[in-house]
Amino acid sequence: MKRLLLTAMLAAGWTACKKAETAPVYEKVAVERRDIVVTASAAGAIQPLLTIDVKSQASGAITEMRVQTGDDVRPGQLLALIDPRLPRSALDQARANLAVAKAQFDNATIQLAREDTLFKVQAITQSEYETAKVAFAQAQAGLVNAQSNHADAQIAYDQTRVTAPLTGTIIQKNVEVGTVISSPARDVGGGTVLFRMANLDTVQVQALVDETDIGKIQPGLPVTITVDAYPNRPFDGSVLKIEPQAQVTQNVTQFPVLVNIVNPNHLLKPGMNTEAEIHVGQRQGVLAIPNAALRTQSDVASAAQVLGLDPQAVQQQLAQATTSPRDSGGATMGGGATRADPNPPQAGQATLTMPDGRQIPLPAGVSAEQVQAAMRKRFSEGASALTPSEQAMLRQVFAQFRGGAGGGPGGGMRRQTNEVGGRYIVFVVRNGTPTPLQIRTGLTDLDYSEVTSGLTEKDTVLILPSASLVNSQKQFQQRVQTMTGGGIPGMRQQPQSGGTQKAPTPR
């Protein structure tokens, strides 16, 4: 009975192990076209572009209120009335004084004309004539003074009518009927603020963007704004400017970004909390693959082990693909386009053609075969395996990518530093076998990456577990093997004695 039970357990364990071994460790994903949109998220509050505090230059009690908060007003529209009794009395007195001054001036004018006629016929003395001229000048000055006082009194009376200085919306009202206000011209405290109004046709959001995303943002980028009041209605805006001074809150560095938003029907109110999506980049209908399929040079070996491939052979394949020569006219890229060298080498000069079509002029005495051999050696055995002469040769050849000295002829070639994406390695299925392939990526939305060269729609990429996951699985398997002695879980291997191995017995 025990032997039958042991046999059944061994059979079940063998079946489970066989299924675990045959279970695929990767997922096949076809290369397809899709839209990629990259955004930077930020939060902020709605605020008006222009806000004005409305005050009155007249002092007194509010006798009438013509507007309330939320009212849209036009320039010159009456907002409130201040007690006009004292200014009206002053205006009436100034008007009476002006009438007296005009009468005195008219009388002085007639008197001077009479005295002038009499002086010409020598009927009056010089002294009497001069006295008449002085009286005329005094009457003229009195008229000017009365006119000035009348104008001031009229202004003071008009200032009891508080009007709107521009087109806008009343967003705050600080006074009511009966409130006694002070004039900013007479109050050292700046006077009483009656209203606060703003133009809400276009509003602004000061969104705080994390410092890791601020390098992608520039003025003019489109922005989509959403608020809780209208969750299904986005509002369109654009980046106005990026403030140069950062704000640090709880050890998080953020930069204020000003966004202008067209506000139809004034639906967006000052103070509303918003979520802003700044559209950093967008691609329509481009080849894309999941980011989980991308591999760097450092984790190619672990990926090869997961697929059951020889890591050294994989490195040799990548090195051979990197240094494989192309015809001198250019290189065919993943999208089918041919890219010519913008700086063709001189006639008769040895060159090394890269996979993307760039031709690197080689120094005198260096051949493309020597460079390819050194590159294969570096990929397969590591940089430490290169001799000093091989290292110096590679530095001299590839210094042109950095635009440094020693680039030799054609040293104007440089690697563009403003390119989106980068170079990665993916494993594709070719003839039913996983094969490493170098590609170039473009825009990424953290889930998918645009493929600019290296793949077509006919390809299928493999999504592998991460290197850390593979290592943790290996460590777990080793711990299980240590605990079980390499046998079936629940069984402990008996020590060998006298060269004879005993059958495992249950714990």
Protein backbone atom coordinates (compact mmCIF):
# COMPACT_ATOMS: atom_id res chain seq x y z
CA MET A 1 0.00 0.00 0.00
CA LYS A 2 2.81 2.37 0.89
CA ARG A 3 4.58 1.51 -2.37
CA LEU A 4 1.41 2.33 -4.37
CA LEU A 5 0.96 5.63 -2.51
CA LEU A 6 4.60 6.58 -3.13
CA THR A 7 4.30 5.72 -6.83
CA ALA A 8 1.17 7.85 -7.17
CA MET A 9 2.83 10.80 -5.48
CA LEU A 10 5.89 10.50 -7.71
CA ALA A 11 3.70 10.37 -10.81
CA ALA A 12 1.69 13.42 -9.73
CA GLY A 13 4.86 15.37 -8.94
CA TRP A 14 6.41 14.44 -12.29
CA THR A 15 3.27 15.54 -14.14
CA ALA A 16 3.18 18.85 -12.27
CA CYS A 17 6.86 19.52 -12.95
CA LYS A 18 6.43 18.66 -16.62
CA LYS A 19 3.50 21.05 -16.92
CA ALA A 20 5.49 23.80 -15.17
CA GLU A 21 8.41 23.24 -17.52
CA THR A 22 6.28 23.31 -20.65
CA ALA A 23 4.25 26.35 -19.55
CA PRO A 24 5.26 29.35 -21.68
CA VAL A 25 7.17 32.08 -19.83
CA TYR A 26 6.37 34.74 -22.39
CA GLU A 27 3.43 36.29 -24.17
CA LYS A 28 3.24 36.92 -27.90
CA VAL A 29 1.99 40.35 -28.95
CA ALA A 30 1.59 41.41 -32.56
CA VAL A 31 3.01 44.75 -33.63
CA GLU A 32 0.04 46.98 -34.47
CA ARG A 33 -0.81 50.58 -35.19
CA ARG A 34 -2.35 52.71 -32.46
CA ASP A 35 -2.62 56.28 -31.22
CA ILE A 36 -0.16 57.40 -28.53
CA VAL A 37 -0.93 60.45 -26.43
CA VAL A 38 1.49 61.65 -23.77
CA THR A 39 0.24 64.07 -21.14
CA ALA A 40 1.55 65.68 -17.98
CA SER A 41 -1.01 65.88 -15.19
CA ALA A 42 -1.29 68.84 -12.85
CA ALA A 43 -3.78 70.37 -10.46
CA GLY A 44 -4.72 73.99 -9.89
CA ALA A 45 -7.56 76.43 -9.31
CA ILE A 46 -9.44 78.73 -11.67
CA GLN A 47 -8.50 82.38 -11.34
CA PRO A 48 -9.44 85.44 -13.44
CA LEU A 49 -6.95 86.97 -15.85
CA LEU A 50 -7.76 90.51 -14.64
CA THR A 51 -9.26 91.47 -11.26
CA ILE A 52 -10.11 95.06 -10.26
CA ASP A 53 -11.12 96.53 -6.88
CA VAL A 54 -13.82 99.18 -7.38
CA LYS A 55 -13.64 102.16 -4.98
CA SER A 56 -15.36 105.54 -4.82
CA GLN A 57 -13.59 108.89 -4.64
CA ALA A 58 -16.62 110.26 -2.79
CA SER A 59 -17.21 109.69 0.92
CA GLY A 60 -20.55 109.11 2.54
CA ALA A 61 -23.32 106.56 3.01
CA ILE A 62 -24.49 104.13 0.31
CA THR A 63 -28.04 105.12 -0.61
CA GLU A 64 -28.71 102.73 -3.49
CA MET A 65 -27.26 99.43 -4.74
CA ARG A 66 -27.82 98.61 -8.41
CA VAL A 67 -25.91 95.28 -8.85
CA GLN A 68 -25.32 92.01 -7.05
CA THR A 69 -22.59 89.38 -7.22
CA GLY A 70 -22.60 87.45 -10.48
CA ASP A 71 -23.99 90.33 -12.55
CA ASP A 72 -22.28 91.08 -15.85
CA VAL A 73 -21.69 94.82 -16.31
CA ARG A 74 -20.55 97.12 -19.10
CA PRO A 75 -18.19 100.11 -18.92
CA GLY A 76 -19.99 103.13 -17.43
CA GLN A 77 -22.88 101.11 -16.01
CA LEU A 78 -24.17 102.43 -12.63
CA LEU A 79 -23.21 100.16 -9.75
CA ALA A 80 -24.14 102.16 -6.62
CA LEU A 81 -25.17 105.64 -5.42
CA ILE A 82 -23.60 107.55 -2.52
CA ASP A 83 -25.48 110.18 -0.49
CA PRO A 84 -25.34 113.22 -2.86
CA ARG A 85 -26.71 115.94 -0.55
CA LEU A 86 -23.43 117.57 0.48
CA PRO A 87 -21.87 117.39 -3.00
CA ARG A 88 -25.12 118.79 -4.48
CA SER A 89 -25.08 121.72 -2.06
CA ALA A 90 -21.46 122.44 -2.87
CA LEU A 91 -22.31 122.29 -6.57
CA ASP A 92 -25.21 124.75 -6.17
CA GLN A 93 -22.99 127.20 -4.29
CA ALA A 94 -20.24 126.88 -6.90
CA ARG A 95 -22.81 127.52 -9.62
CA ALA A 96 -24.02 130.73 -7.85
CA ASN A 97 -20.45 131.95 -7.32
CA LEU A 98 -19.77 131.36 -10.98
CA ALA A 99 -22.76 133.51 -11.95
CA VAL A 100 -21.51 136.35 -9.69
CA ALA A 101 -18.03 136.09 -11.14
CA LYS A 102 -19.37 136.25 -14.68
CA ALA A 103 -21.37 139.41 -13.83
CA GLN A 104 -18.36 141.06 -12.22
CA PHE A 105 -16.21 140.17 -15.22
CA ASP A 106 -18.75 141.60 -17.67
CA ASN A 107 -18.97 144.83 -15.61
CA ALA A 108 -15.20 145.14 -15.40
CA THR A 109 -14.91 144.60 -19.16
CA ILE A 110 -17.39 147.45 -19.89
CA GLN A 111 -15.74 149.75 -17.33
CA LEU A 112 -12.29 149.16 -18.82
CA ALA A 113 -13.56 149.97 -22.32
CA ARG A 114 -15.08 153.26 -21.06
CA GLU A 115 -11.90 154.21 -19.19
CA ASP A 116 -9.85 153.44 -22.27
CA THR A 117 -11.90 155.87 -24.39
CA LEU A 118 -11.66 158.60 -21.76
CA PHE A 119 -7.91 158.11 -21.38
CA LYS A 120 -7.38 158.48 -25.12
CA VAL A 121 -9.02 161.96 -25.08
CA GLN A 122 -7.14 162.72 -21.86
CA ALA A 123 -10.38 163.06 -19.87
CA ILE A 124 -8.93 160.90 -17.01
CA THR A 125 -5.51 160.65 -15.54
CA GLN A 126 -3.04 157.84 -15.96
CA SER A 127 -3.67 156.69 -12.39
CA GLU A 128 -7.39 156.32 -12.91
CA TYR A 129 -6.81 154.32 -16.10
CA GLU A 130 -4.42 151.92 -14.30
CA THR A 131 -6.98 151.39 -11.53
CA ALA A 132 -9.57 150.33 -14.11
CA LYS A 133 -7.13 147.81 -15.62
CA VAL A 134 -6.45 146.27 -12.18
CA ALA A 135 -10.19 145.92 -11.52
CA PHE A 136 -10.60 144.12 -14.86
CA ALA A 137 -7.75 141.70 -14.06
CA GLN A 138 -9.27 140.94 -10.64
CA ALA A 139 -12.67 140.22 -12.19
CA GLN A 140 -11.07 137.97 -14.78
CA ALA A 141 -9.20 136.00 -12.06
CA GLY A 142 -12.39 135.70 -10.04
CA LEU A 143 -14.19 134.24 -13.05
CA VAL A 144 -11.45 131.64 -13.62
CA ASN A 145 -11.51 130.69 -9.93
CA ALA A 146 -15.29 130.35 -9.95
CA GLN A 147 -15.19 128.19 -13.06
CA SER A 148 -12.58 125.90 -11.45
CA ASN A 149 -14.61 125.57 -8.24
CA HIS A 150 -17.71 124.79 -10.25
CA ALA A 151 -15.90 122.06 -12.18
CA ASP A 152 -14.56 120.51 -8.96
CA ALA A 153 -18.01 120.57 -7.43
CA GLN A 154 -19.46 118.91 -10.52
CA ILE A 155 -16.81 116.15 -10.38
CA ALA A 156 -17.48 115.60 -6.66
CA TYR A 157 -21.19 115.31 -7.39
CA ASP A 158 -20.62 112.90 -10.29
CA GLN A 159 -18.42 110.73 -8.08
CA THR A 160 -21.42 109.87 -5.95
CA ARG A 161 -22.41 107.64 -8.89
CA VAL A 162 -20.11 104.56 -8.83
CA THR A 163 -19.81 103.12 -12.35
CA ALA A 164 -18.09 100.07 -13.86
CA PRO A 165 -14.59 100.81 -15.21
CA LEU A 166 -14.64 97.91 -17.73
CA THR A 167 -16.60 94.92 -19.00
CA GLY A 168 -16.67 92.18 -16.42
CA THR A 169 -18.52 90.27 -13.73
CA ILE A 170 -19.13 91.27 -10.11
CA ILE A 171 -17.43 88.49 -8.14
CA GLN A 172 -17.50 90.13 -4.69
CA LYS A 173 -19.60 92.82 -2.96
CA ASN A 174 -18.30 94.32 0.29
CA VAL A 175 -20.92 96.99 1.11
CA GLU A 176 -24.67 97.26 1.51
CA VAL A 177 -27.16 100.12 1.53
CA GLY A 178 -26.41 102.39 4.49
CA THR A 179 -22.70 101.55 4.73
CA VAL A 180 -20.56 104.67 5.22
CA ILE A 181 -17.50 104.51 2.99
CA SER A 182 -14.32 106.57 2.89
CA SER A 183 -12.55 108.02 -0.11
CA PRO A 184 -9.06 106.72 -1.01
CA ALA A 185 -8.08 110.36 -1.70
CA ARG A 186 -8.70 111.30 1.94
CA ASP A 187 -8.12 108.02 3.80
CA VAL A 188 -4.52 106.94 4.38
CA GLY A 189 -5.77 103.34 4.57
CA GLY A 190 -6.64 103.36 0.87
CA GLY A 191 -10.38 103.84 1.13
CA THR A 192 -13.25 101.36 1.13
CA VAL A 193 -13.45 98.61 -1.51
CA LEU A 194 -17.03 98.47 -2.74
CA PHE A 195 -16.84 95.68 -5.31
CA ARG A 196 -14.39 93.27 -6.87
CA MET A 197 -14.97 92.55 -10.52
CA ALA A 198 -13.18 90.45 -13.13
CA ASN A 199 -13.36 89.60 -16.82
CA LEU A 200 -14.31 85.91 -17.03
CA ASP A 201 -14.34 85.57 -20.83
CA THR A 202 -10.90 83.98 -20.50
CA VAL A 203 -9.73 82.50 -17.20
CA GLN A 204 -6.43 81.14 -16.04
CA VAL A 205 -5.16 78.14 -14.09
CA GLN A 206 -1.89 78.10 -12.21
CA ALA A 207 -1.15 74.39 -12.39
CA LEU A 208 1.69 72.91 -10.35
CA VAL A 209 3.72 70.52 -12.51
CA ASP A 210 6.28 68.12 -11.09
CA GLU A 211 9.90 68.92 -11.88
CA THR A 212 10.30 65.57 -13.69
CA ASP A 213 7.74 66.68 -16.32
CA ILE A 214 8.58 70.38 -16.59
CA GLY A 215 11.26 69.77 -19.22
CA LYS A 216 8.62 68.48 -21.65
CA ILE A 217 6.38 71.54 -21.37
CA GLN A 218 6.67 74.69 -23.44
CA PRO A 219 4.38 77.66 -24.17
CA GLY A 220 1.65 76.99 -26.68
CA LEU A 221 1.05 73.31 -25.87
CA PRO A 222 -2.65 72.37 -25.81
CA VAL A 223 -4.23 71.63 -22.43
CA THR A 224 -7.46 69.86 -21.47
CA ILE A 225 -9.12 71.07 -18.25
CA THR A 226 -11.76 69.18 -16.26
CA VAL A 227 -13.66 70.34 -13.18
CA ASP A 228 -15.92 68.46 -10.78
CA ALA A 229 -18.89 70.65 -11.69
CA TYR A 230 -18.78 69.44 -15.34
CA PRO A 231 -17.10 66.02 -15.24
CA ASN A 232 -18.18 65.09 -18.77
CA ARG A 233 -17.35 68.42 -20.38
CA PRO A 234 -13.65 69.15 -20.94
CA PHE A 235 -12.42 72.68 -21.57
CA ASP A 236 -9.62 73.53 -23.98
CA GLY A 237 -6.72 75.79 -23.11
CA SER A 238 -3.06 76.43 -23.87
CA VAL A 239 0.13 76.93 -21.89
CA LEU A 240 0.90 80.63 -21.48
CA LYS A 241 4.19 80.52 -19.58
CA ILE A 242 6.27 78.56 -17.09
CA GLU A 243 7.20 80.39 -13.92
CA PRO A 244 10.96 80.31 -13.25
CA GLN A 245 10.66 79.93 -9.46
CA ALA A 246 9.83 76.47 -8.12
CA GLN A 247 7.59 75.74 -5.15
CA VAL A 248 8.62 73.07 -2.65
CA THR A 249 5.83 71.42 -0.65
CA GLN A 250 6.58 68.42 1.59
CA ASN A 251 9.91 67.86 -0.19
CA VAL A 252 8.15 67.81 -3.60
CA THR A 253 9.45 70.35 -6.10
CA GLN A 254 6.89 71.74 -8.52
CA PHE A 255 6.79 74.58 -11.02
CA PRO A 256 3.74 76.82 -11.59
CA VAL A 257 2.52 76.66 -15.18
CA LEU A 258 0.02 79.31 -16.31
CA VAL A 259 -2.74 78.01 -18.59
CA ASN A 260 -5.26 80.24 -20.39
CA ILE A 261 -8.75 78.80 -20.94
CA VAL A 262 -11.57 80.16 -23.07
CA ASN A 263 -14.62 80.31 -20.78
CA PRO A 264 -17.87 80.22 -22.81
CA ASN A 265 -20.97 81.31 -20.89
CA HIS A 266 -18.74 81.86 -17.84
CA LEU A 267 -19.19 78.27 -16.73
CA LEU A 268 -15.80 78.21 -15.02
CA LYS A 269 -15.94 80.14 -11.75
CA PRO A 270 -12.97 81.56 -9.84
CA GLY A 271 -11.78 79.14 -7.18
CA MET A 272 -12.90 75.92 -8.92
CA ASN A 273 -10.41 73.09 -8.51
CA THR A 274 -9.24 71.67 -11.81
CA GLU A 275 -7.31 68.74 -13.24
CA ALA A 276 -5.13 69.79 -16.17
CA GLU A 277 -3.77 67.41 -18.80
CA ILE A 278 -0.97 69.07 -20.75
CA HIS A 279 -0.58 67.33 -24.13
CA VAL A 280 3.16 66.86 -24.41
CA GLY A 281 3.06 64.76 -27.57
CA GLN A 282 0.70 62.84 -29.81
CA ARG A 283 1.09 60.28 -32.58
CA GLN A 284 -1.73 58.99 -34.74
CA GLY A 285 -1.74 55.50 -36.23
CA VAL A 286 1.91 54.61 -35.56
CA LEU A 287 3.51 51.21 -35.02
CA ALA A 288 3.61 50.53 -31.29
CA ILE A 289 4.54 47.73 -28.90
CA PRO A 290 4.08 47.29 -25.14
CA ASN A 291 6.86 48.72 -23.03
CA ALA A 292 7.14 45.36 -21.29
CA ALA A 293 8.68 43.96 -24.49
CA LEU A 294 11.61 46.40 -24.43
CA ARG A 295 14.97 45.20 -23.17
CA THR A 296 18.23 47.03 -22.56
CA GLN A 297 21.71 45.69 -23.09
CA SER A 298 22.09 44.95 -19.37
CA ASP A 299 19.15 42.54 -19.14
CA VAL A 300 19.45 40.77 -22.50
CA ALA A 301 21.32 37.85 -20.93
CA SER A 302 18.61 37.19 -18.34
CA ALA A 303 15.92 37.44 -21.03
CA ALA A 304 17.82 34.95 -23.18
CA GLN A 305 17.98 32.49 -20.28
CA VAL A 306 14.23 32.77 -19.76
CA LEU A 307 13.70 31.89 -23.43
CA GLY A 308 16.18 29.01 -23.25
CA LEU A 309 18.69 30.72 -25.54
CA ASP A 310 22.45 30.89 -25.20
CA PRO A 311 23.23 34.41 -23.82
CA GLN A 312 26.62 34.45 -25.53
CA ALA A 313 25.09 33.54 -28.88
CA VAL A 314 22.47 36.26 -28.43
CA GLN A 315 25.18 38.84 -27.75
CA GLN A 316 27.05 37.73 -30.85
CA GLN A 317 23.89 38.09 -32.96
CA LEU A 318 23.35 41.63 -31.67
CA ALA A 319 26.99 42.57 -32.27
CA GLN A 320 26.84 41.19 -35.79
CA ALA A 321 23.61 43.10 -36.50
CA THR A 322 25.12 46.31 -35.11
CA THR A 323 28.27 46.15 -37.25
CA SER A 324 26.90 44.43 -40.34
CA PRO A 325 27.91 46.40 -43.47
CA ARG A 326 25.28 47.90 -45.77
CA ASP A 327 25.64 49.08 -49.32
CA SER A 328 27.24 52.47 -49.64
CA GLY A 329 24.12 54.23 -50.90
CA GLY A 330 22.37 54.20 -47.51
CA ALA A 331 20.62 51.88 -45.06
CA THR A 332 17.10 50.55 -45.10
CA MET A 333 15.35 51.39 -41.85
CA GLY A 334 12.45 49.63 -40.15
CA GLY A 335 9.80 51.74 -41.83
CA GLY A 336 11.18 51.00 -45.30
CA ALA A 337 12.75 54.45 -45.75
CA THR A 338 16.31 54.83 -46.99
CA ARG A 339 18.49 57.19 -45.05
CA ALA A 340 21.55 58.62 -46.76
CA ASP A 341 24.65 59.85 -44.98
CA PRO A 342 24.40 63.66 -44.66
CA ASN A 343 28.24 63.87 -44.61
CA PRO A 344 29.52 61.44 -47.26
CA PRO A 345 33.12 60.30 -46.77
CA GLN A 346 35.89 61.32 -49.05
CA ALA A 347 36.62 59.25 -52.13
CA GLY A 348 38.64 56.13 -51.38
CA GLN A 349 38.24 56.45 -47.60
CA ALA A 350 37.29 53.33 -45.61
CA THR A 351 33.93 53.59 -43.86
CA LEU A 352 31.76 51.67 -41.41
CA THR A 353 28.02 51.71 -42.19
CA MET A 354 25.72 51.55 -39.17
CA PRO A 355 22.31 49.80 -39.23
CA ASP A 356 20.49 53.16 -39.52
CA GLY A 357 22.52 54.09 -42.59
CA ARG A 358 25.06 56.46 -41.06
CA GLN A 359 28.55 56.04 -42.49
CA ILE A 360 31.41 56.55 -40.08
CA PRO A 361 34.72 57.44 -41.74
CA LEU A 362 37.51 55.22 -40.43
CA PRO A 363 40.98 56.48 -39.56
CA ALA A 364 43.89 55.55 -41.78
CA GLY A 365 45.00 51.93 -41.31
CA VAL A 366 41.71 50.80 -39.75
CA SER A 367 39.33 48.55 -41.70
CA ALA A 368 35.65 47.83 -41.19
CA GLU A 369 36.48 44.15 -40.49
CA GLN A 370 38.75 45.15 -37.58
CA VAL A 371 36.04 47.32 -36.05
CA GLN A 372 33.42 44.58 -36.49
CA ALA A 373 35.69 42.00 -34.86
CA ALA A 374 36.36 44.29 -31.89
CA MET A 375 32.65 45.01 -31.51
CA ARG A 376 31.77 41.29 -31.56
CA LYS A 377 34.43 40.67 -28.96
CA ARG A 378 33.12 43.47 -26.78
CA PHE A 379 29.52 42.22 -26.95
CA SER A 380 30.38 38.58 -26.35
CA GLU A 381 33.18 38.84 -23.77
CA GLY A 382 32.78 42.31 -22.31
CA ALA A 383 34.78 45.53 -22.56
CA SER A 384 37.51 44.18 -20.26
CA ALA A 385 38.41 41.57 -22.88
CA LEU A 386 39.51 44.21 -25.38
CA THR A 387 43.20 44.96 -25.75
CA PRO A 388 44.40 48.55 -25.20
CA SER A 389 44.87 48.97 -28.95
CA GLU A 390 41.32 47.75 -29.66
CA GLN A 391 39.87 50.08 -27.02
CA ALA A 392 41.80 53.03 -28.48
CA MET A 393 40.59 52.11 -31.98
CA LEU A 394 36.91 52.00 -30.90
CA ARG A 395 37.21 55.29 -29.01
CA GLN A 396 38.74 56.94 -32.05
CA VAL A 397 36.06 55.56 -34.40
CA PHE A 398 33.01 56.34 -32.27
CA ALA A 399 34.23 59.68 -30.91
CA GLN A 400 32.36 61.20 -33.87
CA PHE A 401 29.06 60.37 -32.16
CA ARG A 402 30.01 62.77 -29.38
CA GLY A 403 31.49 65.36 -31.69
CA GLY A 404 34.78 65.16 -29.76
CA ALA A 405 38.37 65.51 -30.86
CA GLY A 406 39.99 62.77 -32.84
CA GLY A 407 36.89 62.22 -34.91
CA GLY A 408 38.88 62.32 -38.11
CA PRO A 409 37.40 63.37 -41.41
CA GLY A 410 33.67 63.91 -41.39
CA GLY A 411 33.70 64.58 -37.65
CA GLY A 412 30.62 66.81 -37.87
CA MET A 413 28.31 63.86 -37.20
CA ARG A 414 26.72 63.95 -33.77
CA ARG A 415 24.07 61.96 -31.98
CA GLN A 416 20.96 64.06 -31.64
CA THR A 417 20.25 64.77 -27.99
CA ASN A 418 16.69 66.01 -28.50
CA GLU A 419 15.31 62.77 -29.94
CA VAL A 420 12.27 61.21 -28.26
CA GLY A 421 12.70 57.60 -27.17
CA GLY A 422 15.89 55.60 -27.67
CA ARG A 423 17.42 52.31 -28.78
CA TYR A 424 16.19 49.04 -27.27
CA ILE A 425 16.29 45.30 -27.90
CA VAL A 426 13.22 43.13 -28.41
CA PHE A 427 12.76 39.44 -28.99
CA VAL A 428 10.65 38.60 -32.05
CA VAL A 429 9.47 35.32 -33.50
CA ARG A 430 11.36 34.50 -36.69
CA ASN A 431 10.79 31.08 -38.26
CA GLY A 432 9.21 29.93 -35.01
CA THR A 433 12.31 30.83 -32.97
CA PRO A 434 12.80 33.78 -30.56
CA THR A 435 15.32 36.14 -32.14
CA PRO A 436 16.87 39.33 -30.65
CA LEU A 437 16.42 42.51 -32.67
CA GLN A 438 17.55 46.10 -32.14
CA ILE A 439 14.90 48.78 -32.65
CA ARG A 440 14.48 52.51 -32.20
CA THR A 441 11.51 53.87 -30.27
CA GLY A 442 9.80 57.25 -30.26
CA LEU A 443 7.02 58.65 -28.12
CA THR A 444 5.81 56.57 -25.17
CA ASP A 445 2.78 56.83 -22.91
CA LEU A 446 4.30 54.50 -20.25
CA ASP A 447 2.22 51.58 -21.57
CA TYR A 448 3.13 51.54 -25.26
CA SER A 449 6.05 52.95 -27.24
CA GLU A 450 6.15 54.16 -30.80
CA VAL A 451 8.45 52.10 -33.04
CA THR A 452 10.31 54.29 -35.50
CA SER A 453 12.57 51.62 -37.02
CA GLY A 454 13.34 47.93 -36.76
CA LEU A 455 9.84 46.37 -36.84
CA THR A 456 6.91 45.98 -39.23
CA GLU A 457 3.24 45.12 -38.79
CA LYS A 458 4.05 41.51 -39.68
CA ASP A 459 6.27 41.05 -36.61
CA THR A 460 5.35 39.56 -33.26
CA VAL A 461 7.25 40.56 -30.10
CA LEU A 462 7.62 38.59 -26.89
CA ILE A 463 6.73 40.01 -23.48
CA LEU A 464 9.01 38.50 -20.87
CA PRO A 465 9.01 38.71 -17.08
CA SER A 466 11.41 41.21 -15.62
CA ALA A 467 14.91 40.20 -14.61
CA SER A 468 14.12 40.75 -10.94
CA LEU A 469 11.12 38.41 -11.21
CA VAL A 470 13.25 35.74 -12.88
CA ASN A 471 15.90 36.01 -10.19
CA SER A 472 13.33 35.80 -7.41
CA GLN A 473 11.82 32.70 -9.06
CA LYS A 474 15.25 31.09 -9.27
CA GLN A 475 15.96 31.87 -5.62
CA PHE A 476 12.60 30.39 -4.63
CA GLN A 477 13.30 27.24 -6.62
CA GLN A 478 16.72 26.91 -4.99
CA ARG A 479 15.18 27.27 -1.54
CA VAL A 480 12.59 24.62 -2.38
CA GLN A 481 15.27 22.29 -3.69
CA THR A 482 17.35 22.84 -0.56
CA MET A 483 14.37 22.05 1.65
CA THR A 484 13.30 19.00 -0.33
CA GLY A 485 16.73 17.75 -1.24
CA GLY A 486 15.93 18.16 -4.91
CA GLY A 487 12.95 15.83 -4.75
CA ILE A 488 9.24 16.21 -4.55
CA PRO A 489 7.88 18.68 -1.99
CA GLY A 490 6.87 16.77 1.12
CA MET A 491 9.61 14.17 0.57
CA ARG A 492 13.12 14.30 2.04
CA GLN A 493 16.05 12.61 0.31
CA GLN A 494 17.81 10.08 2.53
CA PRO A 495 21.62 10.33 2.74
CA GLN A 496 23.62 7.87 0.71
CA SER A 497 25.42 5.12 2.57
CA GLY A 498 27.99 2.79 1.14
CA GLY A 499 27.43 4.06 -2.38
CA THR A 500 23.83 2.84 -2.36
CA GLN A 501 21.04 5.42 -2.79
CA LYS A 502 17.93 4.72 -0.78
CA ALA A 503 14.47 5.45 -2.01
CA PRO A 504 12.87 8.65 -0.72
CA THR A 505 10.57 8.20 2.21
CA PRO A 506 7.67 10.38 3.29
CA ARG A 507 8.22 12.97 6.03
